Amino acid sequence: PAPPPDNCSLFSVPAICTYLIMLSSTFRRAATAAASRSATASFARRTMAMGPASGGEISDELLAKLGSLSTQALVDGLWVMGWPAAQIDGARPLHSSHKCVGRAVTLNFVPARPDIAQDKPPGGESPEYEAFEKCGPNEVLVMSSVGPWESVGGDIKFLRLKQRNIGGLVTDGSVRDTDEIINYGFPCFSYSTTARQGPAAMQPWECNGVVSVSGVTVRPGDAIVGDQDGVVVVPAKVAEKVYSIAHGREEIEDIVKEELVKNPGPPGKFYPFMSGKIKVDSPLAKLLASKGITPENSNQFEGSADW
């Protein structure tokens, strides 16, 4: 602000008051501008520091097609594309009949601490119940535990999952009330079973964030497929391409197996093979050609890979 006028007496109260008001107004404007810049910069940093939780959308039709394939074929499809390990090794079927397919709804647990228990939304507003209500027949609840032997829930909590007709439950932790959960009928894949209480060791903290389950990244909306060999995560962003590769592999494997049944012998003549690397003059290529599969209509051959 401008200095007080030269003719302003030190004892001129009105002049001094006017000057102080001008000074205060200037400081307020400067402080407001600085706060605004700080808030904008903070928001920009936060926005850039965290990407979107979901990687894309998977249609019901594609979900059903992925569920028609084996977990082995899906793992192989991701592998030839160069993607990292996608099998959740810490999740095994609770019953031999359990198979699942669905879009991931994620729930992250954190180690128990008094302030975590106090600050977590209470009762029905808890993140775990938020996650439950997002689940239906085409969703699989993926629960990231703090340890393999910690309980992520039991019969009372999971009754709601039965009522929601959930597509499946997958966790790298353990479940309790095993017989009752099996009776509920929904597919369940866990590290093991336990009699422990979960709240003593961990608390549910976030619904539908990116989680790590047995070291495998799961994003909300990813396809989760489980069978007797385990659980595979198919990233939504590449789900269509993974299906194309995996489906092509299963077709070829069926043809190879049929041939070996009709003409018994060592499988090495045809198997193993790598998708996108089958040589057109190989015995396998000639066998496939006899069944109508060629580089013109399949991405499994050398030079025909489209990934």
Protein backbone atom coordinates (compact mmCIF):
# COMPACT_ATOMS: atom_id res chain seq x y z
CA PRO A 1 0.00 0.00 0.00
CA ALA A 2 1.02 3.67 -0.44
CA PRO A 3 2.66 5.34 2.55
CA PRO A 4 0.51 7.74 4.59
CA PRO A 5 0.35 11.24 3.12
CA ASP A 6 3.07 13.66 4.19
CA ASN A 7 0.56 16.00 5.73
CA CYS A 8 -0.91 13.23 7.86
CA SER A 9 -0.23 13.97 11.47
CA LEU A 10 0.79 11.14 13.77
CA PHE A 11 -2.01 12.30 15.99
CA SER A 12 -4.59 12.40 13.19
CA VAL A 13 -6.72 9.41 14.21
CA PRO A 14 -8.89 9.32 11.06
CA ALA A 15 -5.82 9.30 8.80
CA ILE A 16 -4.15 6.52 10.79
CA CYS A 17 -7.34 4.41 10.78
CA THR A 18 -7.72 4.83 7.01
CA TYR A 19 -4.12 3.72 6.46
CA LEU A 20 -4.52 0.66 8.70
CA ILE A 21 -7.68 -0.36 6.89
CA MET A 22 -5.89 -0.14 3.53
CA LEU A 23 -2.98 -2.19 4.91
CA SER A 24 -5.30 -4.88 6.31
CA SER A 25 -7.20 -5.14 3.04
CA THR A 26 -3.98 -5.59 1.07
CA PHE A 27 -2.75 -8.38 3.38
CA ARG A 28 -6.10 -10.16 3.15
CA ARG A 29 -6.03 -10.14 -0.65
CA ALA A 30 -2.45 -11.45 -0.68
CA ALA A 31 -3.26 -14.21 1.82
CA THR A 32 -6.37 -15.26 -0.11
CA ALA A 33 -4.44 -15.44 -3.38
CA ALA A 34 -1.65 -17.47 -1.76
CA ALA A 35 -4.14 -19.90 -0.20
CA SER A 36 -5.90 -20.32 -3.54
CA ARG A 37 -2.62 -21.06 -5.33
CA SER A 38 -1.65 -23.54 -2.60
CA ALA A 39 -4.99 -25.35 -2.78
CA THR A 40 -4.83 -25.52 -6.58
CA ALA A 41 -1.27 -26.86 -6.50
CA SER A 42 -2.20 -29.41 -3.83
CA PHE A 43 -5.20 -30.62 -5.85
CA ALA A 44 -3.08 -30.88 -8.99
CA ARG A 45 -0.43 -32.88 -7.17
CA ARG A 46 -3.04 -35.21 -5.71
CA THR A 47 -4.75 -35.72 -9.05
CA MET A 48 -1.49 -36.58 -10.74
CA ALA A 49 -0.34 -38.81 -7.88
CA MET A 50 -3.22 -41.28 -8.16
CA GLY A 51 -4.50 -42.91 -11.32
CA PRO A 52 -8.03 -44.29 -11.78
CA ALA A 53 -8.89 -47.37 -9.73
CA SER A 54 -10.60 -49.18 -12.61
CA GLY A 55 -8.78 -50.14 -15.79
CA GLY A 56 -11.85 -50.45 -18.02
CA GLU A 57 -15.20 -52.17 -18.44
CA ILE A 58 -16.03 -55.77 -19.29
CA SER A 59 -19.40 -56.57 -20.86
CA ASP A 60 -21.58 -59.43 -19.62
CA GLU A 61 -20.99 -61.20 -22.95
CA LEU A 62 -17.20 -61.03 -22.64
CA LEU A 63 -17.41 -62.03 -18.98
CA ALA A 64 -19.32 -65.19 -19.92
CA LYS A 65 -16.76 -66.01 -22.64
CA LEU A 66 -13.88 -65.62 -20.21
CA GLY A 67 -15.69 -67.87 -17.74
CA SER A 68 -15.98 -70.59 -20.39
CA LEU A 69 -12.19 -70.96 -20.48
CA SER A 70 -9.85 -72.70 -18.07
CA THR A 71 -7.62 -70.70 -15.77
CA GLN A 72 -4.62 -72.34 -17.45
CA ALA A 73 -5.59 -70.93 -20.85
CA LEU A 74 -6.06 -67.46 -19.38
CA VAL A 75 -2.69 -67.56 -17.62
CA ASP A 76 -1.05 -68.66 -20.87
CA GLY A 77 -2.79 -65.86 -22.77
CA LEU A 78 -1.45 -63.21 -20.40
CA TRP A 79 1.98 -64.83 -20.37
CA VAL A 80 2.52 -64.70 -24.14
CA MET A 81 1.47 -61.03 -24.05
CA GLY A 82 4.27 -60.36 -21.58
CA TRP A 83 2.02 -59.47 -18.66
CA PRO A 84 3.15 -60.34 -15.10
CA ALA A 85 1.87 -63.28 -13.07
CA ALA A 86 -1.91 -63.22 -12.83
CA GLN A 87 -2.70 -66.26 -10.69
CA ILE A 88 -3.61 -65.68 -7.05
CA ASP A 89 -1.65 -68.57 -5.57
CA GLY A 90 -2.99 -67.95 -2.07
CA ALA A 91 -6.61 -68.67 -2.98
CA ARG A 92 -7.88 -72.25 -3.18
CA PRO A 93 -11.48 -73.46 -3.67
CA LEU A 94 -13.28 -74.17 -0.43
CA HIS A 95 -15.15 -77.03 -2.12
CA SER A 96 -14.38 -79.14 -5.19
CA SER A 97 -17.53 -77.88 -6.92
CA HIS A 98 -16.58 -74.23 -6.68
CA LYS A 99 -15.99 -72.25 -9.88
CA CYS A 100 -16.45 -68.54 -10.31
CA VAL A 101 -16.37 -65.72 -12.83
CA GLY A 102 -17.20 -62.07 -12.24
CA ARG A 103 -16.00 -58.50 -12.16
CA ALA A 104 -13.87 -57.65 -9.16
CA VAL A 105 -15.26 -55.63 -6.28
CA THR A 106 -12.27 -55.07 -4.03
CA LEU A 107 -11.94 -54.68 -0.27
CA ASN A 108 -8.67 -53.83 1.42
CA PHE A 109 -7.88 -54.72 5.04
CA VAL A 110 -5.22 -52.93 7.09
CA PRO A 111 -3.54 -54.03 10.34
CA ALA A 112 -5.59 -53.25 13.43
CA ARG A 113 -4.84 -50.06 15.37
CA PRO A 114 -7.05 -48.21 17.86
CA ASP A 115 -7.38 -45.06 15.76
CA ILE A 116 -8.16 -47.13 12.64
CA ALA A 117 -11.03 -48.83 14.48
CA GLN A 118 -12.28 -45.43 15.70
CA ASP A 119 -12.04 -43.63 12.37
CA LYS A 120 -13.47 -46.37 10.16
CA PRO A 121 -17.13 -45.75 9.30
CA PRO A 122 -19.12 -47.71 11.90
CA GLY A 123 -21.77 -50.41 11.62
CA GLY A 124 -23.58 -50.70 8.32
CA GLU A 125 -21.46 -47.90 6.83
CA SER A 126 -18.28 -49.97 7.13
CA PRO A 127 -16.30 -50.41 3.88
CA GLU A 128 -16.90 -54.17 3.93
CA TYR A 129 -20.68 -53.72 3.86
CA GLU A 130 -20.35 -51.09 1.16
CA ALA A 131 -18.48 -53.73 -0.86
CA PHE A 132 -21.14 -56.38 -0.12
CA GLU A 133 -23.88 -54.17 -1.56
CA LYS A 134 -21.95 -53.67 -4.80
CA CYS A 135 -21.90 -57.42 -5.43
CA GLY A 136 -24.34 -59.53 -7.40
CA PRO A 137 -24.30 -62.56 -9.72
CA ASN A 138 -21.72 -60.99 -12.05
CA GLU A 139 -19.35 -59.76 -9.33
CA VAL A 140 -16.64 -61.47 -7.31
CA LEU A 141 -15.68 -59.93 -3.97
CA VAL A 142 -11.87 -59.82 -3.70
CA MET A 143 -10.68 -59.32 -0.12
CA SER A 144 -7.03 -58.42 0.48
CA SER A 145 -6.02 -59.75 3.91
CA VAL A 146 -3.07 -58.68 6.06
CA GLY A 147 -2.07 -62.32 6.50
CA PRO A 148 -2.99 -65.80 5.24
CA TRP A 149 -4.35 -67.02 8.57
CA GLU A 150 -6.43 -63.95 9.43
CA SER A 151 -10.21 -64.29 9.11
CA VAL A 152 -11.95 -62.05 6.59
CA GLY A 153 -15.38 -63.20 7.81
CA GLY A 154 -17.76 -66.02 8.61
CA ASP A 155 -21.37 -67.14 8.51
CA ILE A 156 -23.11 -64.02 9.90
CA LYS A 157 -21.36 -61.54 7.60
CA PHE A 158 -21.39 -63.79 4.57
CA LEU A 159 -25.09 -64.54 4.88
CA ARG A 160 -25.50 -61.19 3.13
CA LEU A 161 -23.36 -62.45 0.24
CA LYS A 162 -25.68 -65.41 -0.12
CA GLN A 163 -28.65 -63.03 -0.16
CA ARG A 164 -26.95 -60.95 -2.83
CA ASN A 165 -26.45 -64.12 -4.92
CA ILE A 166 -22.81 -63.18 -5.30
CA GLY A 167 -20.70 -64.60 -8.14
CA GLY A 168 -17.90 -65.55 -5.77
CA LEU A 169 -15.55 -64.62 -2.94
CA VAL A 170 -11.75 -64.63 -3.29
CA THR A 171 -9.23 -63.86 -0.55
CA ASP A 172 -5.60 -64.48 0.34
CA GLY A 173 -6.77 -64.69 3.96
CA SER A 174 -8.88 -67.35 5.66
CA VAL A 175 -12.58 -67.84 6.33
CA ARG A 176 -14.35 -69.35 9.29
CA ASP A 177 -17.64 -71.22 9.80
CA THR A 178 -16.58 -73.30 6.83
CA ASP A 179 -19.48 -75.77 6.72
CA GLU A 180 -22.04 -72.97 6.78
CA ILE A 181 -20.28 -71.04 4.00
CA ILE A 182 -20.22 -74.17 1.84
CA ASN A 183 -23.95 -74.58 2.53
CA TYR A 184 -24.54 -71.00 1.38
CA GLY A 185 -23.66 -72.20 -2.10
CA PHE A 186 -21.62 -69.34 -3.50
CA PRO A 187 -18.08 -70.11 -4.74
CA CYS A 188 -15.41 -69.31 -2.17
CA PHE A 189 -11.64 -69.30 -2.68
CA SER A 190 -9.38 -68.69 0.32
CA TYR A 191 -5.91 -69.44 1.61
CA SER A 192 -7.36 -71.67 4.32
CA THR A 193 -9.94 -71.88 7.09
CA THR A 194 -9.60 -70.68 10.65
CA ALA A 195 -11.40 -70.23 13.95
CA ARG A 196 -9.73 -66.86 14.58
CA GLN A 197 -11.57 -63.57 14.88
CA GLY A 198 -10.52 -61.09 12.21
CA PRO A 199 -11.09 -57.73 14.00
CA ALA A 200 -8.33 -58.46 16.50
CA ALA A 201 -5.77 -58.43 13.66
CA MET A 202 -7.17 -56.20 10.92
CA GLN A 203 -9.89 -53.78 9.90
CA PRO A 204 -11.67 -53.27 6.55
CA TRP A 205 -10.52 -49.89 5.29
CA GLU A 206 -11.26 -49.27 1.61
CA CYS A 207 -13.83 -50.47 -0.91
CA ASN A 208 -12.99 -50.59 -4.62
CA GLY A 209 -9.41 -49.41 -4.54
CA VAL A 210 -6.48 -51.13 -6.24
CA VAL A 211 -5.36 -54.05 -4.03
CA SER A 212 -2.61 -56.64 -3.90
CA VAL A 213 -3.76 -60.21 -3.31
CA SER A 214 -0.91 -62.70 -2.86
CA GLY A 215 1.28 -60.23 -4.71
CA VAL A 216 -1.10 -59.96 -7.69
CA THR A 217 -2.61 -56.57 -8.50
CA VAL A 218 -6.41 -56.45 -8.73
CA ARG A 219 -8.31 -53.41 -9.96
CA PRO A 220 -12.08 -52.98 -9.58
CA GLY A 221 -13.76 -54.30 -12.71
CA ASP A 222 -11.03 -56.80 -13.61
CA ALA A 223 -12.34 -60.24 -14.54
CA ILE A 224 -11.86 -62.86 -11.82
CA VAL A 225 -12.00 -66.49 -12.95
CA GLY A 226 -11.61 -69.38 -10.52
CA ASP A 227 -11.62 -73.15 -10.88
CA GLN A 228 -9.93 -76.14 -9.26
CA ASP A 229 -6.49 -74.95 -10.41
CA GLY A 230 -6.82 -71.56 -8.72
CA VAL A 231 -7.88 -67.99 -9.42
CA VAL A 232 -6.74 -65.79 -12.31
CA VAL A 233 -7.07 -62.01 -12.66
CA VAL A 234 -7.70 -60.81 -16.22
CA PRO A 235 -7.09 -57.05 -16.44
CA ALA A 236 -10.12 -55.26 -17.90
CA LYS A 237 -7.90 -53.22 -20.22
CA VAL A 238 -6.78 -56.32 -22.18
CA ALA A 239 -9.62 -58.76 -21.47
CA GLU A 240 -10.80 -58.99 -25.09
CA LYS A 241 -7.31 -59.78 -26.37
CA VAL A 242 -6.64 -62.30 -23.60
CA TYR A 243 -9.84 -64.11 -24.52
CA SER A 244 -8.84 -64.22 -28.19
CA ILE A 245 -5.46 -65.76 -27.40
CA ALA A 246 -6.70 -68.14 -24.71
CA HIS A 247 -9.66 -69.35 -26.75
CA GLY A 248 -7.36 -70.04 -29.71
CA ARG A 249 -5.02 -72.02 -27.47
CA GLU A 250 -7.83 -74.16 -26.06
CA GLU A 251 -9.05 -75.00 -29.57
CA ILE A 252 -5.57 -76.15 -30.55
CA GLU A 253 -5.07 -78.16 -27.37
CA ASP A 254 -8.39 -79.95 -27.96
CA ILE A 255 -7.27 -80.87 -31.48
CA VAL A 256 -3.89 -82.12 -30.24
CA LYS A 257 -5.50 -84.21 -27.51
CA GLU A 258 -8.00 -85.68 -29.96
CA GLU A 259 -5.16 -86.63 -32.31
CA LEU A 260 -3.15 -88.27 -29.52
CA VAL A 261 -6.18 -90.28 -28.43
CA LYS A 262 -6.70 -91.57 -31.99
CA ASN A 263 -2.98 -92.10 -32.60
CA PRO A 264 -1.27 -92.76 -29.26
CA GLY A 265 2.29 -91.55 -28.96
CA PRO A 266 4.54 -88.96 -27.29
CA PRO A 267 2.97 -85.46 -27.45
CA GLY A 268 6.30 -83.80 -28.31
CA LYS A 269 5.47 -83.85 -32.01
CA PHE A 270 2.78 -81.23 -31.41
CA TYR A 271 3.18 -79.99 -27.86
CA PRO A 272 4.06 -77.73 -26.15
CA PHE A 273 3.60 -74.73 -28.43
CA MET A 274 3.68 -70.97 -27.97
CA SER A 275 0.83 -68.80 -29.19
CA GLY A 276 1.93 -66.58 -32.06
CA LYS A 277 4.98 -68.79 -32.73
CA ILE A 278 3.60 -71.89 -34.50
CA LYS A 279 5.65 -72.40 -37.68
CA VAL A 280 3.53 -72.92 -40.78
CA ASP A 281 5.58 -75.94 -41.92
CA SER A 282 5.52 -77.72 -38.54
CA PRO A 283 3.64 -80.99 -37.85
CA LEU A 284 1.29 -79.04 -35.58
CA ALA A 285 0.48 -76.51 -38.33
CA LYS A 286 -0.29 -79.34 -40.76
CA LEU A 287 -2.56 -80.98 -38.21
CA LEU A 288 -4.36 -77.69 -37.60
CA ALA A 289 -4.72 -77.06 -41.34
CA SER A 290 -6.54 -80.38 -41.64
CA LYS A 291 -9.06 -78.96 -39.17
CA GLY A 292 -9.41 -75.64 -40.97
CA ILE A 293 -7.16 -73.58 -38.69
CA THR A 294 -4.61 -71.51 -40.62
CA PRO A 295 -2.71 -68.21 -40.27
CA GLU A 296 -5.56 -66.57 -42.19
CA ASN A 297 -8.08 -67.22 -39.42
CA SER A 298 -5.94 -67.70 -36.29
CA ASN A 299 -3.52 -65.51 -34.34
CA GLN A 300 -1.57 -68.52 -33.07
CA PHE A 301 0.90 -68.76 -35.97
CA GLU A 302 4.24 -67.12 -36.55
CA GLY A 303 3.52 -63.80 -38.19
CA SER A 304 -0.18 -63.79 -37.31
CA ALA A 305 0.09 -62.63 -33.69
CA ASP A 306 -1.95 -59.45 -33.18
CA TRP A 307 -0.81 -58.43 -29.73
